Amino acid sequence: MAHIPPELKAKLERDPQAIVNLIVRVKDKPQAHLDDLRALDVTVRRTFTLIPALAIQGRASALLKLAKKSWVQSLEEDKVVHTMS
């Protein structure tokens, strides 16, 4: 199973119908798994090129299933980043 921070796992389990944005790190090329993501009704928002990862959006219940895929390395919440001024 993929690494999921405990607070994120608790959030996903608490509300399985919630729509959540995540960054998924994969063990190989992200493009190889687009069909798997579509099958889970997960939307790919962005494919990263410098790291093997995807920004996705989907229901919490589907994202917990995604975490069990052998090609998924880790899941983390995709949050807004603020700069210091």
PDB file of N, CA and C in Angstrom:
ATOM      1  N   MET A   1       0.837  -1.189   0.000  1.00  0.00           N
ATOM      2  CA  MET A   1       0.000   0.000   0.000  1.00  0.00           C
ATOM      3  C   MET A   1       0.876   1.244   0.000  1.00  0.00           C
ATOM      4  N   ALA A   2       0.402   2.273  -0.682  1.00  0.00           N
ATOM      5  CA  ALA A   2       1.143   3.528  -0.793  1.00  0.00           C
ATOM      6  C   ALA A   2       1.241   4.234   0.557  1.00  0.00           C
ATOM      7  N   HIS A   3       2.254   5.080   0.681  1.00  0.00           N
ATOM      8  CA  HIS A   3       2.390   5.894   1.888  1.00  0.00           C
ATOM      9  C   HIS A   3       1.335   7.002   1.845  1.00  0.00           C
ATOM     10  N   ILE A   4       0.565   7.107   2.927  1.00  0.00           N
ATOM     11  CA  ILE A   4      -0.423   8.179   3.087  1.00  0.00           C
ATOM     12  C   ILE A   4      -0.229   8.755   4.485  1.00  0.00           C
ATOM     13  N   PRO A   5      -0.042  10.078   4.593  1.00  0.00           N
ATOM     14  CA  PRO A   5       0.060  10.655   5.939  1.00  0.00           C
ATOM     15  C   PRO A   5      -1.194  10.307   6.751  1.00  0.00           C
ATOM     16  N   PRO A   6      -1.034   9.982   8.031  1.00  0.00           N
ATOM     17  CA  PRO A   6      -2.172   9.549   8.859  1.00  0.00           C
ATOM     18  C   PRO A   6      -3.345  10.534   8.856  1.00  0.00           C
ATOM     19  N   GLU A   7      -3.052  11.829   8.876  1.00  0.00           N
ATOM     20  CA  GLU A   7      -4.142  12.816   8.901  1.00  0.00           C
ATOM     21  C   GLU A   7      -4.922  12.816   7.580  1.00  0.00           C
ATOM     22  N   LEU A   8      -4.240  12.564   6.459  1.00  0.00           N
ATOM     23  CA  LEU A   8      -4.926  12.471   5.167  1.00  0.00           C
ATOM     24  C   LEU A   8      -5.776  11.203   5.103  1.00  0.00           C
ATOM     25  N   LYS A   9      -5.235  10.096   5.562  1.00  0.00           N
ATOM     26  CA  LYS A   9      -5.993   8.842   5.564  1.00  0.00           C
ATOM     27  C   LYS A   9      -7.261   8.983   6.403  1.00  0.00           C
ATOM     28  N   ALA A  10      -7.148   9.615   7.568  1.00  0.00           N
ATOM     29  CA  ALA A  10      -8.312   9.829   8.434  1.00  0.00           C
ATOM     30  C   ALA A  10      -9.343  10.709   7.740  1.00  0.00           C
ATOM     31  N   LYS A  11      -8.892  11.744   7.035  1.00  0.00           N
ATOM     32  CA  LYS A  11      -9.796  12.641   6.312  1.00  0.00           C
ATOM     33  C   LYS A  11     -10.553  11.876   5.222  1.00  0.00           C
ATOM     34  N   LEU A  12      -9.859  11.036   4.472  1.00  0.00           N
ATOM     35  CA  LEU A  12     -10.484  10.261   3.399  1.00  0.00           C
ATOM     36  C   LEU A  12     -11.490   9.263   3.957  1.00  0.00           C
ATOM     37  N   GLU A  13     -11.157   8.631   5.072  1.00  0.00           N
ATOM     38  CA  GLU A  13     -12.050   7.641   5.683  1.00  0.00           C
ATOM     39  C   GLU A  13     -13.269   8.293   6.340  1.00  0.00           C
ATOM     40  N   ARG A  14     -13.101   9.506   6.838  1.00  0.00           N
ATOM     41  CA  ARG A  14     -14.180  10.207   7.543  1.00  0.00           C
ATOM     42  C   ARG A  14     -15.338  10.566   6.604  1.00  0.00           C
ATOM     43  N   ASP A  15     -15.023  10.953   5.367  1.00  0.00           N
ATOM     44  CA  ASP A  15     -16.069  11.359   4.425  1.00  0.00           C
ATOM     45  C   ASP A  15     -15.772  10.762   3.051  1.00  0.00           C
ATOM     46  N   PRO A  16     -16.173   9.513   2.818  1.00  0.00           N
ATOM     47  CA  PRO A  16     -15.857   8.810   1.564  1.00  0.00           C
ATOM     48  C   PRO A  16     -16.412   9.480   0.312  1.00  0.00           C
ATOM     49  N   GLN A  17     -17.440  10.316   0.448  1.00  0.00           N
ATOM     50  CA  GLN A  17     -18.040  10.972  -0.721  1.00  0.00           C
ATOM     51  C   GLN A  17     -17.408  12.332  -1.029  1.00  0.00           C
ATOM     52  N   ALA A  18     -16.514  12.801  -0.177  1.00  0.00           N
ATOM     53  CA  ALA A  18     -15.877  14.108  -0.385  1.00  0.00           C
ATOM     54  C   ALA A  18     -15.019  14.090  -1.648  1.00  0.00           C
ATOM     55  N   ILE A  19     -15.019  15.224  -2.351  1.00  0.00           N
ATOM     56  CA  ILE A  19     -14.145  15.396  -3.510  1.00  0.00           C
ATOM     57  C   ILE A  19     -12.832  15.979  -2.995  1.00  0.00           C
ATOM     58  N   VAL A  20     -11.728  15.312  -3.340  1.00  0.00           N
ATOM     59  CA  VAL A  20     -10.420  15.664  -2.789  1.00  0.00           C
ATOM     60  C   VAL A  20      -9.411  15.820  -3.921  1.00  0.00           C
ATOM     61  N   ASN A  21      -8.511  16.785  -3.766  1.00  0.00           N
ATOM     62  CA  ASN A  21      -7.394  16.986  -4.701  1.00  0.00           C
ATOM     63  C   ASN A  21      -6.136  16.408  -4.077  1.00  0.00           C
ATOM     64  N   LEU A  22      -5.462  15.529  -4.817  1.00  0.00           N
ATOM     65  CA  LEU A  22      -4.237  14.900  -4.320  1.00  0.00           C
ATOM     66  C   LEU A  22      -3.129  14.974  -5.357  1.00  0.00           C
ATOM     67  N   ILE A  23      -1.906  14.795  -4.873  1.00  0.00           N
ATOM     68  CA  ILE A  23      -0.759  14.549  -5.738  1.00  0.00           C
ATOM     69  C   ILE A  23      -0.361  13.099  -5.503  1.00  0.00           C
ATOM     70  N   VAL A  24      -0.292  12.344  -6.581  1.00  0.00           N
ATOM     71  CA  VAL A  24       0.040  10.923  -6.521  1.00  0.00           C
ATOM     72  C   VAL A  24       1.413  10.714  -7.131  1.00  0.00           C
ATOM     73  N   ARG A  25       2.335  10.230  -6.329  1.00  0.00           N
ATOM     74  CA  ARG A  25       3.653   9.851  -6.860  1.00  0.00           C
ATOM     75  C   ARG A  25       3.577   8.391  -7.287  1.00  0.00           C
ATOM     76  N   VAL A  26       4.101   8.120  -8.478  1.00  0.00           N
ATOM     77  CA  VAL A  26       4.043   6.762  -9.013  1.00  0.00           C
ATOM     78  C   VAL A  26       5.451   6.202  -9.178  1.00  0.00           C
ATOM     79  N   LYS A  27       5.535   4.891  -9.318  1.00  0.00           N
ATOM     80  CA  LYS A  27       6.835   4.221  -9.391  1.00  0.00           C
ATOM     81  C   LYS A  27       7.428   4.212 -10.798  1.00  0.00           C
ATOM     82  N   ASP A  28       6.625   4.571 -11.790  1.00  0.00           N
ATOM     83  CA  ASP A  28       7.114   4.599 -13.174  1.00  0.00           C
ATOM     84  C   ASP A  28       6.492   5.795 -13.888  1.00  0.00           C
ATOM     85  N   LYS A  29       6.244   5.681 -15.177  1.00  0.00           N
ATOM     86  CA  LYS A  29       5.701   6.805 -15.940  1.00  0.00           C
ATOM     87  C   LYS A  29       4.220   7.020 -15.615  1.00  0.00           C
ATOM     88  N   PRO A  30       3.849   8.247 -15.253  1.00  0.00           N
ATOM     89  CA  PRO A  30       2.453   8.532 -14.911  1.00  0.00           C
ATOM     90  C   PRO A  30       1.472   8.200 -16.039  1.00  0.00           C
ATOM     91  N   GLN A  31       1.871   8.422 -17.274  1.00  0.00           N
ATOM     92  CA  GLN A  31       0.983   8.199 -18.417  1.00  0.00           C
ATOM     93  C   GLN A  31       0.548   6.740 -18.543  1.00  0.00           C
ATOM     94  N   ALA A  32       1.316   5.837 -17.975  1.00  0.00           N
ATOM     95  CA  ALA A  32       0.999   4.410 -18.063  1.00  0.00           C
ATOM     96  C   ALA A  32      -0.244   4.037 -17.249  1.00  0.00           C
ATOM     97  N   HIS A  33      -0.735   4.948 -16.429  1.00  0.00           N
ATOM     98  CA  HIS A  33      -1.811   4.611 -15.499  1.00  0.00           C
ATOM     99  C   HIS A  33      -3.084   5.429 -15.698  1.00  0.00           C
ATOM    100  N   LEU A  34      -3.173   6.132 -16.800  1.00  0.00           N
ATOM    101  CA  LEU A  34      -4.342   6.972 -17.043  1.00  0.00           C
ATOM    102  C   LEU A  34      -5.634   6.153 -17.126  1.00  0.00           C
ATOM    103  N   ASP A  35      -5.570   4.976 -17.742  1.00  0.00           N
ATOM    104  CA  ASP A  35      -6.769   4.125 -17.831  1.00  0.00           C
ATOM    105  C   ASP A  35      -7.216   3.647 -16.455  1.00  0.00           C
ATOM    106  N   ASP A  36      -6.268   3.308 -15.593  1.00  0.00           N
ATOM    107  CA  ASP A  36      -6.602   2.887 -14.223  1.00  0.00           C
ATOM    108  C   ASP A  36      -7.314   4.018 -13.471  1.00  0.00           C
ATOM    109  N   LEU A  37      -6.834   5.233 -13.666  1.00  0.00           N
ATOM    110  CA  LEU A  37      -7.432   6.378 -12.988  1.00  0.00           C
ATOM    111  C   LEU A  37      -8.847   6.641 -13.507  1.00  0.00           C
ATOM    112  N   ARG A  38      -9.024   6.552 -14.814  1.00  0.00           N
ATOM    113  CA  ARG A  38     -10.359   6.743 -15.398  1.00  0.00           C
ATOM    114  C   ARG A  38     -11.331   5.680 -14.881  1.00  0.00           C
ATOM    115  N   ALA A  39     -10.853   4.460 -14.726  1.00  0.00           N
ATOM    116  CA  ALA A  39     -11.708   3.371 -14.231  1.00  0.00           C
ATOM    117  C   ALA A  39     -12.205   3.648 -12.811  1.00  0.00           C
ATOM    118  N   LEU A  40     -11.440   4.405 -12.046  1.00  0.00           N
ATOM    119  CA  LEU A  40     -11.841   4.778 -10.689  1.00  0.00           C
ATOM    120  C   LEU A  40     -12.623   6.091 -10.667  1.00  0.00           C
ATOM    121  N   ASP A  41     -12.893   6.660 -11.853  1.00  0.00           N
ATOM    122  CA  ASP A  41     -13.595   7.940 -11.988  1.00  0.00           C
ATOM    123  C   ASP A  41     -12.799   9.076 -11.342  1.00  0.00           C
ATOM    124  N   VAL A  42     -11.479   9.025 -11.542  1.00  0.00           N
ATOM    125  CA  VAL A  42     -10.577  10.038 -11.024  1.00  0.00           C
ATOM    126  C   VAL A  42     -10.155  10.934 -12.188  1.00  0.00           C
ATOM    127  N   THR A  43     -10.191  12.243 -11.974  1.00  0.00           N
ATOM    128  CA  THR A  43      -9.814  13.219 -12.996  1.00  0.00           C
ATOM    129  C   THR A  43      -8.346  13.597 -12.827  1.00  0.00           C
ATOM    130  N   VAL A  44      -7.595  13.540 -13.911  1.00  0.00           N
ATOM    131  CA  VAL A  44      -6.198  13.983 -13.894  1.00  0.00           C
ATOM    132  C   VAL A  44      -6.194  15.480 -14.188  1.00  0.00           C
ATOM    133  N   ARG A  45      -5.715  16.251 -13.246  1.00  0.00           N
ATOM    134  CA  ARG A  45      -5.667  17.702 -13.405  1.00  0.00           C
ATOM    135  C   ARG A  45      -4.350  18.151 -14.017  1.00  0.00           C
ATOM    136  N   ARG A  46      -3.284  17.384 -13.758  1.00  0.00           N
ATOM    137  CA  ARG A  46      -1.966  17.745 -14.296  1.00  0.00           C
ATOM    138  C   ARG A  46      -1.045  16.542 -14.207  1.00  0.00           C
ATOM    139  N   THR A  47      -0.202  16.399 -15.213  1.00  0.00           N
ATOM    140  CA  THR A  47       0.856  15.391 -15.186  1.00  0.00           C
ATOM    141  C   THR A  47       2.180  16.135 -15.055  1.00  0.00           C
ATOM    142  N   PHE A  48       2.942  15.810 -14.045  1.00  0.00           N
ATOM    143  CA  PHE A  48       4.217  16.483 -13.827  1.00  0.00           C
ATOM    144  C   PHE A  48       5.297  15.844 -14.695  1.00  0.00           C
ATOM    145  N   THR A  49       6.269  16.646 -15.093  1.00  0.00           N
ATOM    146  CA  THR A  49       7.343  16.132 -15.947  1.00  0.00           C
ATOM    147  C   THR A  49       8.664  15.966 -15.210  1.00  0.00           C
ATOM    148  N   LEU A  50       8.891  16.739 -14.170  1.00  0.00           N
ATOM    149  CA  LEU A  50      10.166  16.634 -13.448  1.00  0.00           C
ATOM    150  C   LEU A  50      10.171  15.509 -12.421  1.00  0.00           C
ATOM    151  N   ILE A  51       8.994  15.138 -11.966  1.00  0.00           N
ATOM    152  CA  ILE A  51       8.858  14.026 -11.019  1.00  0.00           C
ATOM    153  C   ILE A  51       7.775  13.088 -11.545  1.00  0.00           C
ATOM    154  N   PRO A  52       7.834  11.807 -11.224  1.00  0.00           N
ATOM    155  CA  PRO A  52       6.795  10.881 -11.673  1.00  0.00           C
ATOM    156  C   PRO A  52       5.543  11.019 -10.807  1.00  0.00           C
ATOM    157  N   ALA A  53       4.712  12.016 -11.146  1.00  0.00           N
ATOM    158  CA  ALA A  53       3.542  12.299 -10.318  1.00  0.00           C
ATOM    159  C   ALA A  53       2.420  12.910 -11.146  1.00  0.00           C
ATOM    160  N   LEU A  54       1.219  12.827 -10.557  1.00  0.00           N
ATOM    161  CA  LEU A  54       0.015  13.384 -11.172  1.00  0.00           C
ATOM    162  C   LEU A  54      -0.752  14.176 -10.119  1.00  0.00           C
ATOM    163  N   ALA A  55      -1.364  15.277 -10.530  1.00  0.00           N
ATOM    164  CA  ALA A  55      -2.322  15.982  -9.688  1.00  0.00           C
ATOM    165  C   ALA A  55      -3.691  15.478 -10.106  1.00  0.00           C
ATOM    166  N   ILE A  56      -4.453  14.968  -9.140  1.00  0.00           N
ATOM    167  CA  ILE A  56      -5.734  14.341  -9.458  1.00  0.00           C
ATOM    168  C   ILE A  56      -6.846  14.883  -8.571  1.00  0.00           C
ATOM    169  N   GLN A  57      -8.082  14.590  -8.986  1.00  0.00           N
ATOM    170  CA  GLN A  57      -9.254  14.929  -8.183  1.00  0.00           C
ATOM    171  C   GLN A  57     -10.223  13.755  -8.250  1.00  0.00           C
ATOM    172  N   GLY A  58     -10.768  13.388  -7.096  1.00  0.00           N
ATOM    173  CA  GLY A  58     -11.723  12.292  -7.073  1.00  0.00           C
ATOM    174  C   GLY A  58     -12.366  12.137  -5.709  1.00  0.00           C
ATOM    175  N   ARG A  59     -13.318  11.222  -5.644  1.00  0.00           N
ATOM    176  CA  ARG A  59     -13.987  10.927  -4.372  1.00  0.00           C
ATOM    177  C   ARG A  59     -13.003  10.226  -3.431  1.00  0.00           C
ATOM    178  N   ALA A  60     -13.114  10.527  -2.167  1.00  0.00           N
ATOM    179  CA  ALA A  60     -12.218   9.957  -1.163  1.00  0.00           C
ATOM    180  C   ALA A  60     -12.218   8.436  -1.220  1.00  0.00           C
ATOM    181  N   SER A  61     -13.379   7.831  -1.433  1.00  0.00           N
ATOM    182  CA  SER A  61     -13.461   6.366  -1.478  1.00  0.00           C
ATOM    183  C   SER A  61     -12.635   5.796  -2.626  1.00  0.00           C
ATOM    184  N   ALA A  62     -12.651   6.459  -3.777  1.00  0.00           N
ATOM    185  CA  ALA A  62     -11.866   6.004  -4.925  1.00  0.00           C
ATOM    186  C   ALA A  62     -10.370   6.196  -4.670  1.00  0.00           C
ATOM    187  N   LEU A  63     -10.025   7.258  -3.960  1.00  0.00           N
ATOM    188  CA  LEU A  63      -8.614   7.535  -3.699  1.00  0.00           C
ATOM    189  C   LEU A  63      -8.037   6.543  -2.694  1.00  0.00           C
ATOM    190  N   LEU A  64      -8.866   6.042  -1.780  1.00  0.00           N
ATOM    191  CA  LEU A  64      -8.401   4.983  -0.878  1.00  0.00           C
ATOM    192  C   LEU A  64      -8.141   3.694  -1.658  1.00  0.00           C
ATOM    193  N   LYS A  65      -8.968   3.407  -2.658  1.00  0.00           N
ATOM    194  CA  LYS A  65      -8.725   2.238  -3.523  1.00  0.00           C
ATOM    195  C   LYS A  65      -7.451   2.432  -4.329  1.00  0.00           C
ATOM    196  N   LEU A  66      -7.232   3.655  -4.796  1.00  0.00           N
ATOM    197  CA  LEU A  66      -6.032   3.967  -5.570  1.00  0.00           C
ATOM    198  C   LEU A  66      -4.770   3.689  -4.753  1.00  0.00           C
ATOM    199  N   ALA A  67      -4.811   3.967  -3.482  1.00  0.00           N
ATOM    200  CA  ALA A  67      -3.644   3.775  -2.609  1.00  0.00           C
ATOM    201  C   ALA A  67      -3.191   2.321  -2.561  1.00  0.00           C
ATOM    202  N   LYS A  68      -4.090   1.388  -2.897  1.00  0.00           N
ATOM    203  CA  LYS A  68      -3.754  -0.037  -2.859  1.00  0.00           C
ATOM    204  C   LYS A  68      -3.106  -0.537  -4.151  1.00  0.00           C
ATOM    205  N   LYS A  69      -3.048   0.309  -5.177  1.00  0.00           N
ATOM    206  CA  LYS A  69      -2.445  -0.095  -6.451  1.00  0.00           C
ATOM    207  C   LYS A  69      -0.928  -0.232  -6.283  1.00  0.00           C
ATOM    208  N   SER A  70      -0.362  -1.246  -6.887  1.00  0.00           N
ATOM    209  CA  SER A  70       1.074  -1.530  -6.730  1.00  0.00           C
ATOM    210  C   SER A  70       1.967  -0.450  -7.319  1.00  0.00           C
ATOM    211  N   TRP A  71       1.473   0.314  -8.277  1.00  0.00           N
ATOM    212  CA  TRP A  71       2.281   1.329  -8.944  1.00  0.00           C
ATOM    213  C   TRP A  71       2.254   2.688  -8.241  1.00  0.00           C
ATOM    214  N   VAL A  72       1.430   2.815  -7.191  1.00  0.00           N
ATOM    215  CA  VAL A  72       1.336   4.078  -6.449  1.00  0.00           C
ATOM    216  C   VAL A  72       2.357   4.072  -5.319  1.00  0.00           C
ATOM    217  N   GLN A  73       3.190   5.098  -5.294  1.00  0.00           N
ATOM    218  CA  GLN A  73       4.222   5.210  -4.262  1.00  0.00           C
ATOM    219  C   GLN A  73       3.704   5.972  -3.041  1.00  0.00           C
ATOM    220  N   SER A  74       3.045   7.118  -3.282  1.00  0.00           N
ATOM    221  CA  SER A  74       2.530   7.901  -2.155  1.00  0.00           C
ATOM    222  C   SER A  74       1.405   8.822  -2.613  1.00  0.00           C
ATOM    223  N   LEU A  75       0.595   9.225  -1.636  1.00  0.00           N
ATOM    224  CA  LEU A  75      -0.475  10.191  -1.846  1.00  0.00           C
ATOM    225  C   LEU A  75      -0.261  11.336  -0.882  1.00  0.00           C
ATOM    226  N   GLU A  76      -0.473  12.554  -1.356  1.00  0.00           N
ATOM    227  CA  GLU A  76      -0.418  13.707  -0.470  1.00  0.00           C
ATOM    228  C   GLU A  76      -1.464  14.711  -0.922  1.00  0.00           C
ATOM    229  N   GLU A  77      -1.961  15.484   0.014  1.00  0.00           N
ATOM    230  CA  GLU A  77      -2.999  16.451  -0.325  1.00  0.00           C
ATOM    231  C   GLU A  77      -2.402  17.561  -1.185  1.00  0.00           C
ATOM    232  N   ASP A  78      -3.122  17.947  -2.221  1.00  0.00           N
ATOM    233  CA  ASP A  78      -2.712  19.036  -3.109  1.00  0.00           C
ATOM    234  C   ASP A  78      -3.316  20.319  -2.541  1.00  0.00           C
ATOM    235  N   LYS A  79      -2.478  21.072  -1.835  1.00  0.00           N
ATOM    236  CA  LYS A  79      -2.934  22.285  -1.155  1.00  0.00           C
ATOM    237  C   LYS A  79      -2.413  23.523  -1.876  1.00  0.00           C
ATOM    238  N   VAL A  80      -3.065  24.632  -1.636  1.00  0.00           N
ATOM    239  CA  VAL A  80      -2.618  25.914  -2.170  1.00  0.00           C
ATOM    240  C   VAL A  80      -1.332  26.303  -1.445  1.00  0.00           C
ATOM    241  N   VAL A  81      -0.361  26.762  -2.225  1.00  0.00           N
ATOM    242  CA  VAL A  81       0.931  27.182  -1.676  1.00  0.00           C
ATOM    243  C   VAL A  81       0.968  28.708  -1.658  1.00  0.00           C
ATOM    244  N   HIS A  82       1.334  29.267  -0.505  1.00  0.00           N
ATOM    245  CA  HIS A  82       1.440  30.718  -0.364  1.00  0.00           C
ATOM    246  C   HIS A  82       2.896  31.108  -0.210  1.00  0.00           C
ATOM    247  N   THR A  83       3.268  32.221  -0.817  1.00  0.00           N
ATOM    248  CA  THR A  83       4.633  32.721  -0.655  1.00  0.00           C
ATOM    249  C   THR A  83       4.658  33.725   0.488  1.00  0.00           C
ATOM    250  N   MET A  84       5.820  33.861   1.057  1.00  0.00           N
ATOM    251  CA  MET A  84       5.973  34.843   2.144  1.00  0.00           C
ATOM    252  C   MET A  84       6.316  36.176   1.512  1.00  0.00           C
ATOM    253  N   SER A  85       5.671  37.234   2.010  1.00  0.00           N
ATOM    254  CA  SER A  85       5.989  38.562   1.450  1.00  0.00           C
ATOM    255  C   SER A  85       6.577  39.481   2.475  1.00  0.00           C
TER     256      SER A  85
END
